[in-house]
Amino acid sequence: MLVAGNASDSKAIKERSHDISHDVKADEVIITPAALAESNVKLSTRFKARFPGASMAQWTNGSEAFYVTFLNNGRKAKACFTSAGRLNYTVTECTLEQLPASLRKNILAGYKTYTLFNAIEIDAYGSIAHQVILENATGFITLGATEEGVSEIQQVTKGATL
């Protein structure tokens, strides 16, 4: 495995994005943004154009795709690109305020005893969806939301075995 770049930057990225990071497989190589820019100009250019507010990018080159974990305007994100530079997907962490207004309204009206545990926005293949995990004293509810509406995906009671 080739590891290049500033060690403190790598440590900071891992600490800040541990919950959304791409697991590195044996056939993958971690590369720096500078090395990426030299080896794949199209990919580097498209990443910068798509995410102009990106910082602390950590790239991994898989056998069939490039994965990047980064901060996008301060929000933890990860993305997958083809070697030709086409974006496959982006997953971005969200606060309640960053969720679409209709989804926020649904959560605040229908789940009054819950608080936001985790939320992500998934931008994949031309569609945007959100996954929200809510928590209260007795358990968790996972919601899925698309432009077609909101649905409960899973309920887990605290103390129950999965």
Foldseek 3Di string as FASTA:
>chain_A
DDDDDDPVLVVVLCVVAVPPDDDDDPQKDKDDLVVCCVPQVLQSVLVCVVQVQWDSWIWMGHPFWIKIWTQRVNWTKIWIAGSNNHTFKMKTWDALVRDDPVVNVCCVVPPVQWHWPTKIWMCGDNFIKMWTWIDHPFWIWIWIQGPVGIDTDDIDTPPDDD
